[in-house]
Amino acid sequence: MSTSGKSSVILRSGAVFAAILALATGYWLSDYLLGGRPEHAGMHATVLGEPRDIQPFTLIDDTGKNFDNRSLKGRWTFMFFGYTHCPDVCPTTLSVLNSVAHKLETPENRVQFVFVSIDPERDPPEKLRQYVSSFNGTFIGATGTAETINTLTRQVGVIYTRATERSGSDNPGKDNYLIDHSASVLLFDPAGRFHAVFTPPLNATDMAGDFILLLESYR
């Protein structure tokens, strides 16, 4: 198949995945969004009607330590799922989160930003540390086995699938692939519960403003 043919197949498959993802996310969120509070009206974030408890999970952070439910306690957590070989969505989103982090850089906010790799085969902890720190030195990278990652993704409606080999690459092989994945940013409250979700297009000013409103209503 020609390069242009491969590209069109990848574009079509990406479009199909995006449509399926939007539909699946809509159905998933509909189960949790009923009963939203009036103070959440007008927010860009989608706030769950009732924050959702997260069943036990255990990942490994970029220093080799466990990252689990306890790691979400005592502070707000912005979490994004992606992978270091991601050509566009991940670096763009992490750049936005870096801007959000700077806007919320006050002691009382107690916020952490976590990037969970859905590509453990190519993203060991040491590589994650190098990757996330290139966006912000305080960001945390985490990953695990496919099973442990899915223990978390299934609970929060994150969908991902390995796509075809990267087209037109100078480095063909089994490790040269793309992953289609959800592009939303999740927000967990200091009780470690899934509290809200920010869907693309993401804007740092809007996200920071929504967070301040959520912080005030949470108190």
N, C-alpha and C. Protein backbone atom coordinates (compact mmCIF):
# COMPACT_ATOMS: atom_id res chain seq x y z
N MET A 1 0.85 -1.20 0.00
CA MET A 1 0.00 0.00 0.00
C MET A 1 0.87 1.24 0.00
N SER A 2 0.48 2.26 -0.74
CA SER A 2 1.26 3.48 -0.80
C SER A 2 1.18 4.22 0.52
N THR A 3 2.12 5.19 0.70
CA THR A 3 2.11 6.00 1.92
C THR A 3 0.83 6.77 2.06
N SER A 4 0.33 7.32 0.95
CA SER A 4 -0.92 8.07 1.02
C SER A 4 -2.08 7.16 1.38
N GLY A 5 -2.02 5.90 0.87
CA GLY A 5 -3.07 4.95 1.21
C GLY A 5 -3.07 4.61 2.67
N LYS A 6 -1.86 4.38 3.22
CA LYS A 6 -1.74 4.09 4.65
C LYS A 6 -2.26 5.25 5.48
N SER A 7 -1.90 6.47 5.07
CA SER A 7 -2.31 7.65 5.82
C SER A 7 -3.83 7.77 5.86
N SER A 8 -4.47 7.49 4.72
CA SER A 8 -5.93 7.61 4.68
C SER A 8 -6.58 6.57 5.56
N VAL A 9 -5.99 5.36 5.62
CA VAL A 9 -6.52 4.32 6.49
C VAL A 9 -6.42 4.74 7.94
N ILE A 10 -5.25 5.31 8.31
CA ILE A 10 -5.04 5.75 9.68
C ILE A 10 -6.01 6.87 10.03
N LEU A 11 -6.21 7.80 9.10
CA LEU A 11 -7.13 8.91 9.36
C LEU A 11 -8.55 8.40 9.54
N ARG A 12 -8.95 7.44 8.67
CA ARG A 12 -10.30 6.90 8.79
C ARG A 12 -10.47 6.17 10.10
N SER A 13 -9.46 5.33 10.48
CA SER A 13 -9.57 4.59 11.73
C SER A 13 -9.58 5.54 12.91
N GLY A 14 -8.80 6.63 12.83
CA GLY A 14 -8.79 7.61 13.91
C GLY A 14 -10.13 8.28 14.04
N ALA A 15 -10.76 8.61 12.92
CA ALA A 15 -12.07 9.25 12.95
C ALA A 15 -13.12 8.33 13.53
N VAL A 16 -13.04 7.04 13.15
CA VAL A 16 -13.99 6.06 13.68
C VAL A 16 -13.81 5.94 15.19
N PHE A 17 -12.54 5.85 15.64
CA PHE A 17 -12.27 5.73 17.07
C PHE A 17 -12.80 6.95 17.81
N ALA A 18 -12.58 8.15 17.24
CA ALA A 18 -13.03 9.38 17.89
C ALA A 18 -14.55 9.37 18.04
N ALA A 19 -15.26 8.90 17.02
CA ALA A 19 -16.72 8.85 17.09
C ALA A 19 -17.18 7.86 18.15
N ILE A 20 -16.53 6.68 18.18
CA ILE A 20 -16.88 5.67 19.18
C ILE A 20 -16.57 6.19 20.57
N LEU A 21 -15.43 6.85 20.71
CA LEU A 21 -15.02 7.39 22.01
C LEU A 21 -16.02 8.42 22.51
N ALA A 22 -16.44 9.33 21.64
CA ALA A 22 -17.39 10.36 22.05
C ALA A 22 -18.71 9.74 22.48
N LEU A 23 -19.16 8.74 21.74
CA LEU A 23 -20.42 8.07 22.08
C LEU A 23 -20.30 7.33 23.40
N ALA A 24 -19.20 6.57 23.56
CA ALA A 24 -19.01 5.80 24.79
C ALA A 24 -18.86 6.71 26.00
N THR A 25 -18.12 7.79 25.84
CA THR A 25 -17.93 8.72 26.95
C THR A 25 -19.26 9.37 27.34
N GLY A 26 -20.07 9.69 26.34
CA GLY A 26 -21.37 10.29 26.62
C GLY A 26 -22.25 9.36 27.42
N TYR A 27 -22.30 8.09 27.02
CA TYR A 27 -23.09 7.12 27.76
C TYR A 27 -22.55 6.94 29.17
N TRP A 28 -21.21 6.87 29.29
CA TRP A 28 -20.60 6.64 30.60
C TRP A 28 -20.88 7.80 31.54
N LEU A 29 -20.67 9.02 31.06
CA LEU A 29 -20.88 10.18 31.91
C LEU A 29 -22.34 10.35 32.30
N SER A 30 -23.25 9.95 31.43
CA SER A 30 -24.67 10.13 31.72
C SER A 30 -25.08 9.38 32.98
N ASP A 31 -24.35 8.33 33.33
CA ASP A 31 -24.66 7.56 34.53
C ASP A 31 -24.30 8.31 35.80
N TYR A 32 -23.46 9.34 35.69
CA TYR A 32 -22.94 9.98 36.88
C TYR A 32 -23.22 11.48 36.98
N LEU A 33 -23.84 12.06 35.97
CA LEU A 33 -23.98 13.50 35.96
C LEU A 33 -25.34 14.01 36.44
N LEU A 34 -26.25 13.10 36.67
CA LEU A 34 -27.56 13.54 37.14
C LEU A 34 -27.44 14.13 38.54
N GLY A 35 -28.19 15.17 38.79
CA GLY A 35 -28.18 15.75 40.13
C GLY A 35 -27.08 16.77 40.34
N GLY A 36 -26.57 17.39 39.25
CA GLY A 36 -25.55 18.42 39.40
C GLY A 36 -26.07 19.61 40.19
N ARG A 37 -25.19 20.29 40.88
CA ARG A 37 -25.60 21.40 41.73
C ARG A 37 -25.70 22.71 40.94
N PRO A 38 -26.56 23.62 41.37
CA PRO A 38 -26.72 24.90 40.66
C PRO A 38 -25.42 25.68 40.57
N GLU A 39 -24.57 25.60 41.61
CA GLU A 39 -23.34 26.38 41.59
C GLU A 39 -22.35 25.92 40.52
N HIS A 40 -22.62 24.74 39.93
CA HIS A 40 -21.75 24.23 38.87
C HIS A 40 -22.21 24.66 37.49
N ALA A 41 -23.36 25.28 37.41
CA ALA A 41 -23.89 25.72 36.12
C ALA A 41 -22.95 26.76 35.51
N GLY A 42 -22.72 26.65 34.23
CA GLY A 42 -21.86 27.60 33.54
C GLY A 42 -20.39 27.24 33.53
N MET A 43 -20.03 26.18 34.23
CA MET A 43 -18.63 25.76 34.23
C MET A 43 -18.28 25.08 32.90
N HIS A 44 -17.01 25.16 32.54
CA HIS A 44 -16.53 24.44 31.38
C HIS A 44 -16.32 22.97 31.73
N ALA A 45 -15.98 22.70 32.97
CA ALA A 45 -15.80 21.33 33.43
C ALA A 45 -17.15 20.64 33.56
N THR A 46 -17.13 19.34 33.42
CA THR A 46 -18.31 18.52 33.69
C THR A 46 -18.14 17.94 35.08
N VAL A 47 -19.02 18.33 35.99
CA VAL A 47 -18.92 17.93 37.39
C VAL A 47 -19.87 16.77 37.66
N LEU A 48 -19.38 15.71 38.25
CA LEU A 48 -20.23 14.58 38.56
C LEU A 48 -21.27 14.97 39.61
N GLY A 49 -22.48 14.47 39.45
CA GLY A 49 -23.52 14.78 40.40
C GLY A 49 -23.13 14.36 41.81
N GLU A 50 -22.50 13.20 41.92
CA GLU A 50 -21.93 12.73 43.18
C GLU A 50 -20.51 12.26 42.90
N PRO A 51 -19.51 12.79 43.61
CA PRO A 51 -18.14 12.32 43.40
C PRO A 51 -18.08 10.80 43.54
N ARG A 52 -17.28 10.18 42.72
CA ARG A 52 -17.25 8.72 42.67
C ARG A 52 -16.04 8.16 43.40
N ASP A 53 -16.30 7.25 44.35
CA ASP A 53 -15.20 6.55 45.01
C ASP A 53 -14.47 5.67 44.01
N ILE A 54 -13.15 5.57 44.18
CA ILE A 54 -12.32 4.77 43.30
C ILE A 54 -11.91 3.48 44.03
N GLN A 55 -12.19 2.36 43.39
CA GLN A 55 -11.81 1.08 43.97
C GLN A 55 -10.28 0.94 43.94
N PRO A 56 -9.72 0.10 44.80
CA PRO A 56 -8.26 0.00 44.93
C PRO A 56 -7.54 -0.22 43.60
N PHE A 57 -6.48 0.53 43.41
CA PHE A 57 -5.60 0.37 42.25
C PHE A 57 -4.18 0.64 42.72
N THR A 58 -3.21 0.12 42.00
CA THR A 58 -1.80 0.37 42.33
C THR A 58 -1.00 0.51 41.05
N LEU A 59 -0.41 1.67 40.87
CA LEU A 59 0.51 1.93 39.77
C LEU A 59 1.90 2.16 40.34
N ILE A 60 2.85 2.44 39.47
CA ILE A 60 4.22 2.78 39.89
C ILE A 60 4.53 4.18 39.40
N ASP A 61 5.01 5.05 40.30
CA ASP A 61 5.31 6.41 39.86
C ASP A 61 6.70 6.49 39.24
N ASP A 62 7.09 7.69 38.84
CA ASP A 62 8.34 7.84 38.09
C ASP A 62 9.59 7.76 38.96
N THR A 63 9.40 7.51 40.24
CA THR A 63 10.55 7.26 41.13
C THR A 63 10.60 5.80 41.56
N GLY A 64 9.67 4.99 41.05
CA GLY A 64 9.64 3.57 41.38
C GLY A 64 8.80 3.23 42.59
N LYS A 65 8.11 4.23 43.17
CA LYS A 65 7.26 3.98 44.33
C LYS A 65 5.82 3.73 43.90
N ASN A 66 5.07 3.10 44.78
CA ASN A 66 3.66 2.86 44.49
C ASN A 66 2.88 4.17 44.38
N PHE A 67 1.99 4.21 43.41
CA PHE A 67 1.03 5.30 43.29
C PHE A 67 -0.33 4.65 43.33
N ASP A 68 -1.08 4.88 44.40
CA ASP A 68 -2.35 4.20 44.59
C ASP A 68 -3.40 5.16 45.16
N ASN A 69 -4.45 4.62 45.70
CA ASN A 69 -5.54 5.46 46.22
C ASN A 69 -5.04 6.45 47.26
N ARG A 70 -4.09 6.02 48.07
CA ARG A 70 -3.56 6.91 49.11
C ARG A 70 -2.85 8.11 48.50
N SER A 71 -2.33 7.93 47.29
CA SER A 71 -1.61 9.02 46.62
C SER A 71 -2.55 10.14 46.19
N LEU A 72 -3.85 9.85 46.15
CA LEU A 72 -4.84 10.85 45.75
C LEU A 72 -5.42 11.60 46.94
N LYS A 73 -5.09 11.16 48.15
CA LYS A 73 -5.70 11.74 49.35
C LYS A 73 -4.97 13.01 49.79
N GLY A 74 -5.74 13.97 50.30
CA GLY A 74 -5.17 15.16 50.92
C GLY A 74 -4.88 16.31 49.98
N ARG A 75 -5.16 16.13 48.69
CA ARG A 75 -4.94 17.22 47.73
C ARG A 75 -5.79 16.95 46.49
N TRP A 76 -5.98 17.98 45.69
CA TRP A 76 -6.67 17.82 44.41
C TRP A 76 -5.68 17.27 43.39
N THR A 77 -6.18 16.44 42.48
CA THR A 77 -5.33 15.82 41.47
C THR A 77 -5.90 16.00 40.08
N PHE A 78 -5.15 16.64 39.20
CA PHE A 78 -5.45 16.66 37.78
C PHE A 78 -4.74 15.46 37.17
N MET A 79 -5.47 14.60 36.46
CA MET A 79 -4.86 13.39 35.90
C MET A 79 -5.17 13.28 34.41
N PHE A 80 -4.13 12.95 33.66
CA PHE A 80 -4.27 12.78 32.21
C PHE A 80 -3.61 11.47 31.80
N PHE A 81 -4.24 10.75 30.89
CA PHE A 81 -3.73 9.47 30.41
C PHE A 81 -3.18 9.64 28.99
N GLY A 82 -1.97 9.17 28.76
CA GLY A 82 -1.37 9.28 27.44
C GLY A 82 -0.12 8.43 27.34
N TYR A 83 0.83 8.86 26.51
CA TYR A 83 2.08 8.10 26.36
C TYR A 83 3.15 9.01 25.77
N THR A 84 4.40 8.70 26.04
CA THR A 84 5.48 9.62 25.70
C THR A 84 5.74 9.73 24.20
N HIS A 85 5.33 8.73 23.42
CA HIS A 85 5.51 8.78 21.97
C HIS A 85 4.36 9.48 21.27
N CYS A 86 3.41 9.98 22.03
CA CYS A 86 2.25 10.67 21.46
C CYS A 86 2.73 11.91 20.69
N PRO A 87 2.32 12.04 19.43
CA PRO A 87 2.86 13.13 18.60
C PRO A 87 2.22 14.50 18.81
N ASP A 88 1.01 14.54 19.38
CA ASP A 88 0.33 15.84 19.42
C ASP A 88 -0.52 16.08 20.67
N VAL A 89 -1.49 15.23 20.93
CA VAL A 89 -2.44 15.48 22.02
C VAL A 89 -1.74 15.57 23.38
N CYS A 90 -0.83 14.63 23.65
CA CYS A 90 -0.19 14.60 24.97
C CYS A 90 0.69 15.82 25.24
N PRO A 91 1.61 16.16 24.35
CA PRO A 91 2.41 17.36 24.62
C PRO A 91 1.57 18.64 24.69
N THR A 92 0.53 18.72 23.88
CA THR A 92 -0.34 19.89 23.93
C THR A 92 -1.06 19.97 25.27
N THR A 93 -1.60 18.84 25.72
CA THR A 93 -2.34 18.81 26.98
C THR A 93 -1.43 19.09 28.16
N LEU A 94 -0.24 18.51 28.17
CA LEU A 94 0.69 18.75 29.27
C LEU A 94 1.15 20.20 29.31
N SER A 95 1.24 20.82 28.16
CA SER A 95 1.58 22.25 28.12
C SER A 95 0.46 23.08 28.73
N VAL A 96 -0.78 22.71 28.43
CA VAL A 96 -1.93 23.40 29.04
C VAL A 96 -1.92 23.19 30.55
N LEU A 97 -1.65 21.96 30.99
CA LEU A 97 -1.62 21.68 32.43
C LEU A 97 -0.49 22.43 33.13
N ASN A 98 0.60 22.63 32.43
CA ASN A 98 1.68 23.45 33.00
C ASN A 98 1.19 24.87 33.25
N SER A 99 0.43 25.40 32.30
CA SER A 99 -0.14 26.75 32.49
C SER A 99 -1.13 26.77 33.64
N VAL A 100 -1.94 25.71 33.75
CA VAL A 100 -2.88 25.62 34.87
C VAL A 100 -2.11 25.58 36.19
N ALA A 101 -1.05 24.80 36.22
CA ALA A 101 -0.25 24.69 37.45
C ALA A 101 0.29 26.04 37.88
N HIS A 102 0.76 26.83 36.95
CA HIS A 102 1.29 28.16 37.29
C HIS A 102 0.19 29.09 37.79
N LYS A 103 -1.02 28.95 37.22
CA LYS A 103 -2.13 29.80 37.65
C LYS A 103 -2.61 29.44 39.05
N LEU A 104 -2.38 28.19 39.44
CA LEU A 104 -2.86 27.72 40.75
C LEU A 104 -1.73 27.57 41.76
N GLU A 105 -0.62 28.20 41.49
CA GLU A 105 0.59 28.01 42.28
C GLU A 105 0.52 28.79 43.60
N THR A 106 -0.36 28.32 44.50
CA THR A 106 -0.45 28.89 45.84
C THR A 106 -0.53 27.75 46.85
N PRO A 107 0.05 27.90 48.03
CA PRO A 107 0.10 26.81 49.01
C PRO A 107 -1.26 26.25 49.38
N GLU A 108 -2.27 27.13 49.46
CA GLU A 108 -3.58 26.67 49.93
C GLU A 108 -4.31 25.79 48.92
N ASN A 109 -3.92 25.84 47.65
CA ASN A 109 -4.61 25.04 46.64
C ASN A 109 -4.28 23.55 46.75
N ARG A 110 -3.06 23.21 47.13
CA ARG A 110 -2.64 21.82 47.29
C ARG A 110 -3.10 20.97 46.10
N VAL A 111 -2.43 21.16 44.98
CA VAL A 111 -2.79 20.49 43.74
C VAL A 111 -1.60 19.68 43.23
N GLN A 112 -1.87 18.50 42.67
CA GLN A 112 -0.83 17.74 41.99
C GLN A 112 -1.32 17.38 40.59
N PHE A 113 -0.36 17.19 39.69
CA PHE A 113 -0.66 16.87 38.30
C PHE A 113 0.01 15.54 37.97
N VAL A 114 -0.80 14.60 37.47
CA VAL A 114 -0.32 13.23 37.25
C VAL A 114 -0.55 12.83 35.79
N PHE A 115 0.50 12.33 35.17
CA PHE A 115 0.43 11.81 33.80
C PHE A 115 0.57 10.30 33.88
N VAL A 116 -0.49 9.57 33.51
CA VAL A 116 -0.47 8.11 33.56
C VAL A 116 -0.22 7.58 32.15
N SER A 117 0.88 6.85 31.99
CA SER A 117 1.18 6.27 30.68
C SER A 117 0.37 5.00 30.47
N ILE A 118 -0.28 4.92 29.32
CA ILE A 118 -1.02 3.73 28.92
C ILE A 118 -0.16 2.87 27.99
N ASP A 119 1.14 3.14 27.99
CA ASP A 119 2.08 2.44 27.11
C ASP A 119 3.27 1.94 27.94
N PRO A 120 3.02 1.01 28.89
CA PRO A 120 4.09 0.58 29.79
C PRO A 120 5.26 -0.09 29.09
N GLU A 121 5.04 -0.65 27.91
CA GLU A 121 6.12 -1.32 27.19
C GLU A 121 7.22 -0.34 26.80
N ARG A 122 6.84 0.89 26.48
CA ARG A 122 7.84 1.87 26.03
C ARG A 122 8.08 2.98 27.05
N ASP A 123 7.31 2.99 28.14
CA ASP A 123 7.42 4.10 29.10
C ASP A 123 7.75 3.61 30.51
N PRO A 124 8.98 3.17 30.74
CA PRO A 124 9.38 2.81 32.11
C PRO A 124 9.44 4.07 32.98
N PRO A 125 9.46 3.90 34.30
CA PRO A 125 9.44 5.05 35.20
C PRO A 125 10.49 6.10 34.91
N GLU A 126 11.72 5.69 34.61
CA GLU A 126 12.78 6.67 34.39
C GLU A 126 12.52 7.51 33.14
N LYS A 127 11.91 6.91 32.12
CA LYS A 127 11.58 7.68 30.92
C LYS A 127 10.42 8.64 31.21
N LEU A 128 9.46 8.19 32.01
CA LEU A 128 8.36 9.06 32.39
C LEU A 128 8.86 10.28 33.15
N ARG A 129 9.81 10.07 34.06
CA ARG A 129 10.36 11.19 34.85
C ARG A 129 10.96 12.24 33.93
N GLN A 130 11.74 11.78 32.96
CA GLN A 130 12.37 12.71 32.02
C GLN A 130 11.32 13.43 31.19
N TYR A 131 10.28 12.70 30.79
CA TYR A 131 9.25 13.28 29.93
C TYR A 131 8.42 14.32 30.66
N VAL A 132 7.86 13.97 31.81
CA VAL A 132 6.96 14.91 32.49
C VAL A 132 7.71 16.13 33.02
N SER A 133 8.97 15.92 33.42
CA SER A 133 9.74 17.05 33.96
C SER A 133 10.11 18.05 32.87
N SER A 134 10.04 17.64 31.61
CA SER A 134 10.32 18.58 30.52
C SER A 134 9.17 19.59 30.39
N PHE A 135 8.01 19.27 30.97
CA PHE A 135 6.88 20.20 30.96
C PHE A 135 6.79 20.96 32.28
N ASN A 136 7.01 20.25 33.38
CA ASN A 136 6.96 20.88 34.70
C ASN A 136 7.65 19.95 35.69
N GLY A 137 8.60 20.47 36.43
CA GLY A 137 9.38 19.65 37.34
C GLY A 137 8.58 19.05 38.48
N THR A 138 7.37 19.56 38.74
CA THR A 138 6.55 19.02 39.82
C THR A 138 5.58 17.95 39.34
N PHE A 139 5.45 17.77 38.04
CA PHE A 139 4.52 16.78 37.51
C PHE A 139 4.97 15.37 37.89
N ILE A 140 4.00 14.49 38.07
CA ILE A 140 4.26 13.11 38.44
C ILE A 140 3.89 12.19 37.28
N GLY A 141 4.78 11.27 36.95
CA GLY A 141 4.48 10.25 35.95
C GLY A 141 4.16 8.95 36.65
N ALA A 142 3.26 8.16 36.08
CA ALA A 142 2.91 6.87 36.67
C ALA A 142 2.53 5.90 35.55
N THR A 143 2.73 4.63 35.81
CA THR A 143 2.34 3.60 34.86
C THR A 143 2.20 2.29 35.61
N GLY A 144 2.07 1.20 34.89
CA GLY A 144 1.92 -0.11 35.52
C GLY A 144 1.80 -1.16 34.45
N THR A 145 1.29 -2.31 34.78
CA THR A 145 0.99 -3.32 33.78
C THR A 145 -0.32 -2.94 33.11
N ALA A 146 -0.60 -3.58 31.98
CA ALA A 146 -1.88 -3.32 31.31
C ALA A 146 -3.04 -3.59 32.26
N GLU A 147 -2.92 -4.62 33.05
CA GLU A 147 -4.00 -4.98 33.98
C GLU A 147 -4.20 -3.92 35.05
N THR A 148 -3.11 -3.44 35.66
CA THR A 148 -3.26 -2.46 36.73
C THR A 148 -3.71 -1.11 36.19
N ILE A 149 -3.26 -0.75 34.99
CA ILE A 149 -3.72 0.49 34.37
C ILE A 149 -5.22 0.41 34.10
N ASN A 150 -5.66 -0.73 33.57
CA ASN A 150 -7.08 -0.89 33.24
C ASN A 150 -7.96 -0.91 34.48
N THR A 151 -7.41 -1.32 35.61
CA THR A 151 -8.17 -1.27 36.86
C THR A 151 -8.64 0.15 37.14
N LEU A 152 -7.81 1.13 36.77
CA LEU A 152 -8.17 2.53 36.97
C LEU A 152 -8.97 3.09 35.80
N THR A 153 -8.53 2.82 34.57
CA THR A 153 -9.20 3.42 33.41
C THR A 153 -10.66 3.00 33.31
N ARG A 154 -10.95 1.75 33.65
CA ARG A 154 -12.34 1.28 33.57
C ARG A 154 -13.25 2.03 34.53
N GLN A 155 -12.70 2.49 35.63
CA GLN A 155 -13.51 3.18 36.64
C GLN A 155 -13.81 4.64 36.27
N VAL A 156 -12.97 5.22 35.43
CA VAL A 156 -13.11 6.65 35.13
C VAL A 156 -13.45 6.91 33.67
N GLY A 157 -13.77 5.86 32.92
CA GLY A 157 -14.24 6.04 31.55
C GLY A 157 -13.17 6.40 30.54
N VAL A 158 -11.91 6.10 30.83
CA VAL A 158 -10.84 6.36 29.88
C VAL A 158 -10.71 5.18 28.93
N ILE A 159 -10.69 5.47 27.64
CA ILE A 159 -10.62 4.44 26.61
C ILE A 159 -9.34 4.62 25.80
N TYR A 160 -8.69 3.52 25.49
CA TYR A 160 -7.51 3.59 24.61
C TYR A 160 -7.35 2.29 23.85
N THR A 161 -6.70 2.37 22.69
CA THR A 161 -6.45 1.19 21.89
C THR A 161 -5.23 1.42 21.03
N ARG A 162 -4.42 0.39 20.86
CA ARG A 162 -3.23 0.52 20.01
C ARG A 162 -3.67 0.59 18.55
N ALA A 163 -3.17 1.58 17.84
CA ALA A 163 -3.53 1.78 16.44
C ALA A 163 -2.49 1.10 15.54
N THR A 164 -2.57 1.40 14.26
CA THR A 164 -1.64 0.81 13.31
C THR A 164 -0.25 1.42 13.46
N GLU A 165 0.72 0.77 12.82
CA GLU A 165 2.09 1.28 12.84
C GLU A 165 2.14 2.68 12.27
N ARG A 166 3.00 3.50 12.88
CA ARG A 166 3.13 4.89 12.43
C ARG A 166 3.51 4.93 10.96
N SER A 167 2.75 5.64 10.15
CA SER A 167 2.96 5.69 8.71
C SER A 167 4.17 6.55 8.34
N GLY A 168 4.93 6.08 7.36
CA GLY A 168 6.04 6.88 6.83
C GLY A 168 7.21 6.99 7.77
N SER A 169 7.31 6.10 8.77
CA SER A 169 8.39 6.20 9.75
C SER A 169 9.70 5.69 9.19
N ASP A 170 10.80 6.27 9.66
CA ASP A 170 12.13 5.79 9.30
C ASP A 170 12.57 4.66 10.21
N ASN A 171 11.72 4.31 11.19
CA ASN A 171 12.07 3.29 12.17
C ASN A 171 10.94 2.28 12.32
N PRO A 172 10.69 1.49 11.26
CA PRO A 172 9.59 0.52 11.33
C PRO A 172 9.89 -0.59 12.33
N GLY A 173 8.85 -1.22 12.83
CA GLY A 173 9.04 -2.32 13.77
C GLY A 173 7.91 -2.40 14.76
N LYS A 174 7.94 -3.44 15.61
CA LYS A 174 6.84 -3.69 16.52
C LYS A 174 6.67 -2.59 17.57
N ASP A 175 7.74 -1.83 17.85
CA ASP A 175 7.66 -0.77 18.86
C ASP A 175 7.27 0.57 18.27
N ASN A 176 7.00 0.60 16.99
CA ASN A 176 6.68 1.86 16.33
C ASN A 176 5.18 1.91 16.02
N TYR A 177 4.40 2.31 17.02
CA TYR A 177 2.96 2.32 16.87
C TYR A 177 2.39 3.55 17.58
N LEU A 178 1.17 3.88 17.20
CA LEU A 178 0.43 4.96 17.84
C LEU A 178 -0.66 4.37 18.72
N ILE A 179 -1.14 5.14 19.68
CA ILE A 179 -2.24 4.71 20.54
C ILE A 179 -3.33 5.77 20.50
N ASP A 180 -4.53 5.34 20.12
CA ASP A 180 -5.69 6.24 20.20
C ASP A 180 -6.18 6.23 21.63
N HIS A 181 -6.44 7.41 22.20
CA HIS A 181 -6.82 7.45 23.60
C HIS A 181 -7.68 8.67 23.92
N SER A 182 -8.38 8.58 25.05
CA SER A 182 -9.18 9.69 25.53
C SER A 182 -8.29 10.90 25.76
N ALA A 183 -8.81 12.08 25.48
CA ALA A 183 -8.02 13.31 25.61
C ALA A 183 -8.52 14.20 26.74
N SER A 184 -9.35 13.67 27.61
CA SER A 184 -9.89 14.46 28.71
C SER A 184 -8.94 14.48 29.90
N VAL A 185 -9.07 15.50 30.72
CA VAL A 185 -8.32 15.61 31.97
C VAL A 185 -9.30 15.36 33.11
N LEU A 186 -8.93 14.47 34.02
CA LEU A 186 -9.80 14.12 35.14
C LEU A 186 -9.37 14.87 36.39
N LEU A 187 -10.34 15.16 37.24
CA LEU A 187 -10.05 15.86 38.49
C LEU A 187 -10.55 15.02 39.66
N PHE A 188 -9.65 14.75 40.61
CA PHE A 188 -9.97 14.01 41.82
C PHE A 188 -9.91 14.95 43.02
N ASP A 189 -10.85 14.79 43.94
CA ASP A 189 -10.87 15.67 45.11
C ASP A 189 -9.95 15.14 46.21
N PRO A 190 -9.76 15.89 47.30
CA PRO A 190 -8.83 15.46 48.36
C PRO A 190 -9.24 14.19 49.08
N ALA A 191 -10.47 13.73 48.86
CA ALA A 191 -10.89 12.45 49.42
C ALA A 191 -10.55 11.29 48.49
N GLY A 192 -9.90 11.62 47.36
CA GLY A 192 -9.51 10.60 46.40
C GLY A 192 -10.63 10.14 45.49
N ARG A 193 -11.69 10.96 45.39
CA ARG A 193 -12.85 10.60 44.57
C ARG A 193 -12.80 11.30 43.21
N PHE A 194 -13.30 10.63 42.20
CA PHE A 194 -13.43 11.22 40.88
C PHE A 194 -14.50 12.29 40.95
N HIS A 195 -14.11 13.54 40.70
CA HIS A 195 -14.99 14.69 40.97
C HIS A 195 -15.48 15.39 39.71
N ALA A 196 -14.62 15.53 38.70
CA ALA A 196 -15.00 16.28 37.50
C ALA A 196 -14.10 15.88 36.33
N VAL A 197 -14.50 16.29 35.15
CA VAL A 197 -13.72 15.99 33.95
C VAL A 197 -13.71 17.22 33.04
N PHE A 198 -12.54 17.51 32.48
CA PHE A 198 -12.38 18.59 31.51
C PHE A 198 -12.19 17.95 30.14
N THR A 199 -13.06 18.30 29.20
CA THR A 199 -12.99 17.71 27.87
C THR A 199 -12.44 18.74 26.87
N PRO A 200 -11.77 18.26 25.82
CA PRO A 200 -11.23 19.18 24.81
C PRO A 200 -12.34 19.97 24.12
N PRO A 201 -12.00 21.16 23.62
CA PRO A 201 -10.68 21.81 23.69
C PRO A 201 -10.40 22.37 25.08
N LEU A 202 -9.17 22.20 25.53
CA LEU A 202 -8.79 22.60 26.87
C LEU A 202 -8.20 24.01 26.87
N ASN A 203 -8.58 24.79 27.87
CA ASN A 203 -8.09 26.15 28.01
C ASN A 203 -7.65 26.35 29.45
N ALA A 204 -6.40 26.76 29.65
CA ALA A 204 -5.84 26.85 31.00
C ALA A 204 -6.60 27.83 31.88
N THR A 205 -6.99 28.96 31.32
CA THR A 205 -7.71 29.97 32.11
C THR A 205 -9.06 29.43 32.56
N ASP A 206 -9.78 28.76 31.65
CA ASP A 206 -11.08 28.18 32.00
C ASP A 206 -10.92 27.09 33.05
N MET A 207 -9.91 26.25 32.90
CA MET A 207 -9.71 25.15 33.83
C MET A 207 -9.36 25.67 35.23
N ALA A 208 -8.49 26.66 35.29
CA ALA A 208 -8.11 27.23 36.59
C ALA A 208 -9.31 27.92 37.24
N GLY A 209 -10.10 28.64 36.44
CA GLY A 209 -11.28 29.31 36.98
C GLY A 209 -12.31 28.32 37.51
N ASP A 210 -12.53 27.24 36.77
CA ASP A 210 -13.47 26.21 37.23
C ASP A 210 -12.97 25.57 38.52
N PHE A 211 -11.67 25.34 38.58
CA PHE A 211 -11.11 24.71 39.78
C PHE A 211 -11.34 25.58 41.01
N ILE A 212 -11.14 26.87 40.89
CA ILE A 212 -11.36 27.77 42.03
C ILE A 212 -12.82 27.71 42.48
N LEU A 213 -13.75 27.67 41.53
CA LEU A 213 -15.16 27.56 41.87
C LEU A 213 -15.45 26.24 42.57
N LEU A 214 -14.86 25.16 42.08
CA LEU A 214 -15.06 23.84 42.70
C LEU A 214 -14.47 23.83 44.11
N LEU A 215 -13.31 24.49 44.25
CA LEU A 215 -12.66 24.55 45.56
C LEU A 215 -13.54 25.26 46.57
N GLU A 216 -14.16 26.35 46.15
CA GLU A 216 -15.04 27.12 47.05
C GLU A 216 -16.28 26.31 47.43
N SER A 217 -16.87 25.59 46.47
CA SER A 217 -18.07 24.82 46.77
C SER A 217 -17.72 23.58 47.60
N TYR A 218 -16.51 23.06 47.43
CA TYR A 218 -16.09 21.86 48.18
C TYR A 218 -15.90 22.20 49.65
N ARG A 219 -15.38 23.40 49.93
CA ARG A 219 -15.16 23.82 51.30
C ARG A 219 -16.48 24.02 52.03
